[in-house]
């Protein structure tokens, strides 16, 4: 199977002015779930993987932002123990923007 955007960590800045850094986000697909962090608003989220194939990274980001803006996510107060490594990796990746 070809790699999809999101199989590796994807980072972006939405350009929204929530902080002096904008709105830095990172996401990764794990199984049938997309894990997302918004480090500037302090949000940890997960979205169902509802789309089958993503042609390019910008489609992946656009899908996440559309679901984000509609509130179609589950807030994670804390990542489960097996997800902690992923959580740290997402925060570090977004912080490098």
N, C-alpha and C. Protein backbone atom coordinates (compact mmCIF):
# COMPACT_ATOMS: atom_id res chain seq x y z
N UNK A 1 0.85 -1.18 0.00
CA UNK A 1 0.00 0.00 0.00
C UNK A 1 0.89 1.24 0.00
N UNK A 2 0.55 2.18 -0.81
CA UNK A 2 1.32 3.43 -0.89
C UNK A 2 1.11 4.24 0.38
N UNK A 3 2.13 4.98 0.73
CA UNK A 3 2.00 5.85 1.91
C UNK A 3 1.01 6.96 1.62
N UNK A 4 0.21 7.26 2.61
CA UNK A 4 -0.74 8.37 2.53
C UNK A 4 -0.19 9.54 3.33
N UNK A 5 -0.61 10.75 2.99
CA UNK A 5 -0.30 11.84 3.90
C UNK A 5 -0.90 11.47 5.26
N UNK A 6 -0.17 11.68 6.31
CA UNK A 6 -0.67 11.32 7.64
C UNK A 6 -0.11 10.02 8.15
N UNK A 7 0.45 9.18 7.26
CA UNK A 7 1.12 7.98 7.75
C UNK A 7 2.37 8.38 8.54
N UNK A 8 2.94 9.51 8.16
CA UNK A 8 4.02 10.14 8.91
C UNK A 8 3.43 11.40 9.53
N UNK A 9 4.10 11.99 10.49
CA UNK A 9 3.60 13.21 11.11
C UNK A 9 3.57 14.34 10.09
N UNK A 10 2.43 15.02 10.02
CA UNK A 10 2.25 16.19 9.15
C UNK A 10 2.09 17.40 10.06
N UNK A 11 2.82 18.47 9.78
CA UNK A 11 2.74 19.69 10.59
C UNK A 11 2.35 20.87 9.69
N UNK A 12 1.63 21.82 10.27
CA UNK A 12 1.27 23.02 9.53
C UNK A 12 0.89 24.13 10.50
N UNK A 13 0.92 25.34 10.00
CA UNK A 13 0.45 26.50 10.73
C UNK A 13 -0.75 27.03 9.97
N UNK A 14 -1.88 27.15 10.66
CA UNK A 14 -3.11 27.58 9.99
C UNK A 14 -3.06 29.06 9.62
N UNK A 15 -2.18 29.81 10.26
CA UNK A 15 -2.13 31.25 10.03
C UNK A 15 -3.12 32.02 10.89
N UNK A 16 -3.95 31.30 11.63
CA UNK A 16 -4.88 31.97 12.54
C UNK A 16 -4.07 32.57 13.70
N UNK A 17 -4.46 33.69 14.18
CA UNK A 17 -3.66 34.45 15.14
C UNK A 17 -4.04 34.16 16.60
N UNK A 18 -4.01 32.90 16.99
CA UNK A 18 -4.31 32.56 18.38
C UNK A 18 -3.17 32.96 19.31
N UNK A 19 -1.94 32.92 18.83
CA UNK A 19 -0.79 33.33 19.61
C UNK A 19 0.16 34.08 18.68
N UNK A 20 1.26 34.54 19.22
CA UNK A 20 2.27 35.22 18.39
C UNK A 20 2.86 34.27 17.35
N UNK A 21 2.69 32.96 17.57
CA UNK A 21 3.20 31.95 16.63
C UNK A 21 2.14 31.51 15.63
N UNK A 22 0.93 32.02 15.77
CA UNK A 22 -0.18 31.58 14.92
C UNK A 22 -0.89 30.40 15.56
N UNK A 23 -1.19 29.40 14.77
CA UNK A 23 -1.82 28.18 15.26
C UNK A 23 -1.07 27.01 14.66
N UNK A 24 -0.17 26.44 15.44
CA UNK A 24 0.67 25.33 14.98
C UNK A 24 0.02 24.00 15.32
N UNK A 25 -0.08 23.14 14.31
CA UNK A 25 -0.75 21.85 14.49
C UNK A 25 0.09 20.73 13.92
N UNK A 26 -0.15 19.53 14.43
CA UNK A 26 0.51 18.33 13.93
C UNK A 26 -0.50 17.19 13.98
N UNK A 27 -0.39 16.26 13.03
CA UNK A 27 -1.32 15.14 12.96
C UNK A 27 -0.63 13.89 12.44
N UNK A 28 -1.18 12.75 12.82
CA UNK A 28 -0.69 11.46 12.33
C UNK A 28 -1.83 10.47 12.35
N UNK A 29 -1.89 9.64 11.32
CA UNK A 29 -2.87 8.56 11.27
C UNK A 29 -2.30 7.34 11.98
N UNK A 30 -3.11 6.77 12.88
CA UNK A 30 -2.77 5.52 13.54
C UNK A 30 -4.01 4.64 13.45
N UNK A 31 -3.92 3.56 12.69
CA UNK A 31 -5.08 2.69 12.50
C UNK A 31 -6.18 3.46 11.79
N UNK A 32 -7.36 3.52 12.39
CA UNK A 32 -8.50 4.24 11.81
C UNK A 32 -8.75 5.57 12.50
N UNK A 33 -7.70 6.11 13.11
CA UNK A 33 -7.84 7.35 13.87
C UNK A 33 -6.77 8.34 13.46
N UNK A 34 -7.14 9.61 13.41
CA UNK A 34 -6.17 10.68 13.19
C UNK A 34 -6.00 11.39 14.53
N UNK A 35 -4.77 11.40 15.03
CA UNK A 35 -4.46 12.12 16.26
C UNK A 35 -3.91 13.49 15.89
N UNK A 36 -4.40 14.53 16.55
CA UNK A 36 -4.03 15.90 16.22
C UNK A 36 -3.75 16.67 17.50
N UNK A 37 -2.71 17.51 17.45
CA UNK A 37 -2.47 18.46 18.53
C UNK A 37 -2.47 19.87 17.95
N UNK A 38 -3.00 20.78 18.72
CA UNK A 38 -2.96 22.22 18.42
C UNK A 38 -2.20 22.80 19.60
N UNK A 39 -0.91 23.04 19.43
CA UNK A 39 -0.10 23.42 20.59
C UNK A 39 -0.37 24.85 21.04
N UNK A 40 -0.87 25.69 20.17
CA UNK A 40 -1.12 27.07 20.57
C UNK A 40 -2.42 27.25 21.33
N UNK A 41 -3.37 26.38 21.12
CA UNK A 41 -4.63 26.44 21.87
C UNK A 41 -4.68 25.37 22.95
N UNK A 42 -3.65 24.52 22.99
CA UNK A 42 -3.60 23.48 24.02
C UNK A 42 -4.63 22.39 23.84
N UNK A 43 -4.93 22.04 22.59
CA UNK A 43 -5.94 21.03 22.31
C UNK A 43 -5.30 19.73 21.82
N UNK A 44 -5.76 18.63 22.36
CA UNK A 44 -5.40 17.29 21.91
C UNK A 44 -6.69 16.65 21.42
N UNK A 45 -6.67 16.16 20.19
CA UNK A 45 -7.90 15.67 19.58
C UNK A 45 -7.68 14.37 18.83
N UNK A 46 -8.78 13.70 18.57
CA UNK A 46 -8.74 12.59 17.63
C UNK A 46 -9.97 12.66 16.75
N UNK A 47 -9.76 12.28 15.50
CA UNK A 47 -10.80 12.29 14.48
C UNK A 47 -10.90 10.88 13.91
N UNK A 48 -12.09 10.46 13.53
CA UNK A 48 -12.20 9.19 12.81
C UNK A 48 -11.60 9.35 11.42
N UNK A 49 -10.98 8.31 10.94
CA UNK A 49 -10.46 8.31 9.57
C UNK A 49 -11.63 7.95 8.67
N UNK A 50 -12.23 8.97 8.06
CA UNK A 50 -13.46 8.75 7.30
C UNK A 50 -13.27 8.85 5.80
N UNK A 51 -12.06 9.12 5.38
CA UNK A 51 -11.81 9.22 3.95
C UNK A 51 -10.81 8.17 3.55
N UNK A 52 -11.03 7.53 2.43
CA UNK A 52 -10.25 6.36 2.04
C UNK A 52 -8.86 6.69 1.52
N UNK A 53 -8.79 7.54 0.54
CA UNK A 53 -7.50 7.85 -0.07
C UNK A 53 -7.29 9.35 -0.11
N UNK A 54 -6.10 9.75 0.20
CA UNK A 54 -5.74 11.17 0.16
C UNK A 54 -4.62 11.33 -0.84
N UNK A 55 -4.85 12.16 -1.82
CA UNK A 55 -3.88 12.29 -2.90
C UNK A 55 -2.65 13.09 -2.48
N UNK A 56 -2.87 14.17 -1.78
CA UNK A 56 -1.75 15.04 -1.42
C UNK A 56 -1.93 15.56 0.00
N UNK A 57 -0.82 16.02 0.57
CA UNK A 57 -0.83 16.48 1.95
C UNK A 57 -1.83 17.60 2.19
N UNK A 58 -1.99 18.52 1.26
CA UNK A 58 -2.91 19.63 1.51
C UNK A 58 -4.36 19.14 1.63
N UNK A 59 -4.71 18.02 0.95
CA UNK A 59 -6.04 17.45 1.11
C UNK A 59 -6.24 16.93 2.53
N UNK A 60 -5.20 16.30 3.07
CA UNK A 60 -5.23 15.78 4.44
C UNK A 60 -5.45 16.92 5.42
N UNK A 61 -4.68 17.99 5.28
CA UNK A 61 -4.80 19.14 6.16
C UNK A 61 -6.18 19.78 6.00
N UNK A 62 -6.65 19.93 4.77
CA UNK A 62 -7.97 20.53 4.52
C UNK A 62 -9.08 19.70 5.17
N UNK A 63 -8.98 18.37 5.10
CA UNK A 63 -9.99 17.50 5.73
C UNK A 63 -9.98 17.68 7.25
N UNK A 64 -8.78 17.72 7.83
CA UNK A 64 -8.69 17.90 9.28
C UNK A 64 -9.27 19.24 9.68
N UNK A 65 -8.91 20.30 8.98
CA UNK A 65 -9.39 21.62 9.34
C UNK A 65 -10.90 21.75 9.16
N UNK A 66 -11.45 21.10 8.16
CA UNK A 66 -12.92 21.13 7.96
C UNK A 66 -13.61 20.45 9.15
N UNK A 67 -13.10 19.30 9.58
CA UNK A 67 -13.69 18.60 10.72
C UNK A 67 -13.45 19.40 12.01
N UNK A 68 -12.27 19.97 12.15
CA UNK A 68 -11.92 20.79 13.32
C UNK A 68 -12.89 21.96 13.44
N UNK A 69 -13.09 22.69 12.36
CA UNK A 69 -13.95 23.87 12.38
C UNK A 69 -15.41 23.52 12.66
N UNK A 70 -15.82 22.31 12.33
CA UNK A 70 -17.19 21.87 12.60
C UNK A 70 -17.32 21.17 13.95
N UNK A 71 -16.20 21.06 14.69
CA UNK A 71 -16.23 20.41 16.00
C UNK A 71 -16.41 18.91 15.92
N UNK A 72 -16.00 18.32 14.80
CA UNK A 72 -16.19 16.87 14.59
C UNK A 72 -14.99 16.08 15.11
N UNK A 73 -14.64 16.31 16.36
CA UNK A 73 -13.51 15.61 16.95
C UNK A 73 -13.84 15.24 18.39
N UNK A 74 -13.04 14.33 18.91
CA UNK A 74 -13.14 13.95 20.31
C UNK A 74 -11.96 14.60 21.00
N UNK A 75 -12.23 15.36 22.06
CA UNK A 75 -11.15 15.96 22.83
C UNK A 75 -10.51 14.89 23.70
N UNK A 76 -9.21 14.94 23.75
CA UNK A 76 -8.47 14.02 24.60
C UNK A 76 -7.89 14.83 25.75
N UNK A 77 -8.35 14.56 26.94
CA UNK A 77 -7.77 15.27 28.09
C UNK A 77 -6.34 14.81 28.30
N UNK A 78 -6.14 13.53 28.11
CA UNK A 78 -4.79 12.97 28.16
C UNK A 78 -4.73 11.82 27.18
N UNK A 79 -3.59 11.63 26.58
CA UNK A 79 -3.39 10.47 25.73
C UNK A 79 -3.23 9.26 26.64
N UNK A 80 -3.69 8.12 26.18
CA UNK A 80 -3.50 6.88 26.93
C UNK A 80 -2.02 6.54 26.97
N UNK A 81 -1.62 5.68 27.86
CA UNK A 81 -0.20 5.40 28.05
C UNK A 81 0.48 4.96 26.76
N UNK A 82 -0.19 4.15 25.95
CA UNK A 82 0.42 3.69 24.71
C UNK A 82 0.49 4.80 23.66
N UNK A 83 -0.24 5.89 23.89
CA UNK A 83 -0.24 7.00 22.94
C UNK A 83 0.70 8.13 23.38
N UNK A 84 1.29 8.03 24.55
CA UNK A 84 2.11 9.11 25.09
C UNK A 84 3.28 9.44 24.18
N UNK A 85 3.94 8.44 23.65
CA UNK A 85 5.07 8.67 22.75
C UNK A 85 4.62 9.44 21.51
N UNK A 86 3.48 9.09 20.96
CA UNK A 86 2.93 9.80 19.81
C UNK A 86 2.61 11.24 20.18
N UNK A 87 2.00 11.45 21.33
CA UNK A 87 1.64 12.79 21.78
C UNK A 87 2.87 13.68 21.86
N UNK A 88 3.92 13.18 22.47
CA UNK A 88 5.17 13.94 22.58
C UNK A 88 5.74 14.24 21.19
N UNK A 89 5.72 13.25 20.30
CA UNK A 89 6.25 13.45 18.95
C UNK A 89 5.45 14.51 18.19
N UNK A 90 4.14 14.52 18.34
CA UNK A 90 3.30 15.51 17.67
C UNK A 90 3.58 16.92 18.20
N UNK A 91 3.69 17.05 19.51
CA UNK A 91 3.97 18.36 20.11
C UNK A 91 5.34 18.87 19.66
N UNK A 92 6.32 17.99 19.69
CA UNK A 92 7.67 18.40 19.26
C UNK A 92 7.69 18.82 17.79
N UNK A 93 6.97 18.07 16.95
CA UNK A 93 6.95 18.39 15.51
C UNK A 93 6.29 19.75 15.27
N UNK A 94 5.16 20.00 15.92
CA UNK A 94 4.47 21.28 15.75
C UNK A 94 5.31 22.42 16.30
N UNK A 95 6.04 22.17 17.36
CA UNK A 95 6.87 23.20 17.98
C UNK A 95 8.04 23.64 17.12
N UNK A 96 8.40 22.81 16.14
CA UNK A 96 9.50 23.16 15.25
C UNK A 96 9.08 24.13 14.14
N UNK A 97 7.80 24.41 14.02
CA UNK A 97 7.34 25.35 12.98
C UNK A 97 7.75 26.77 13.32
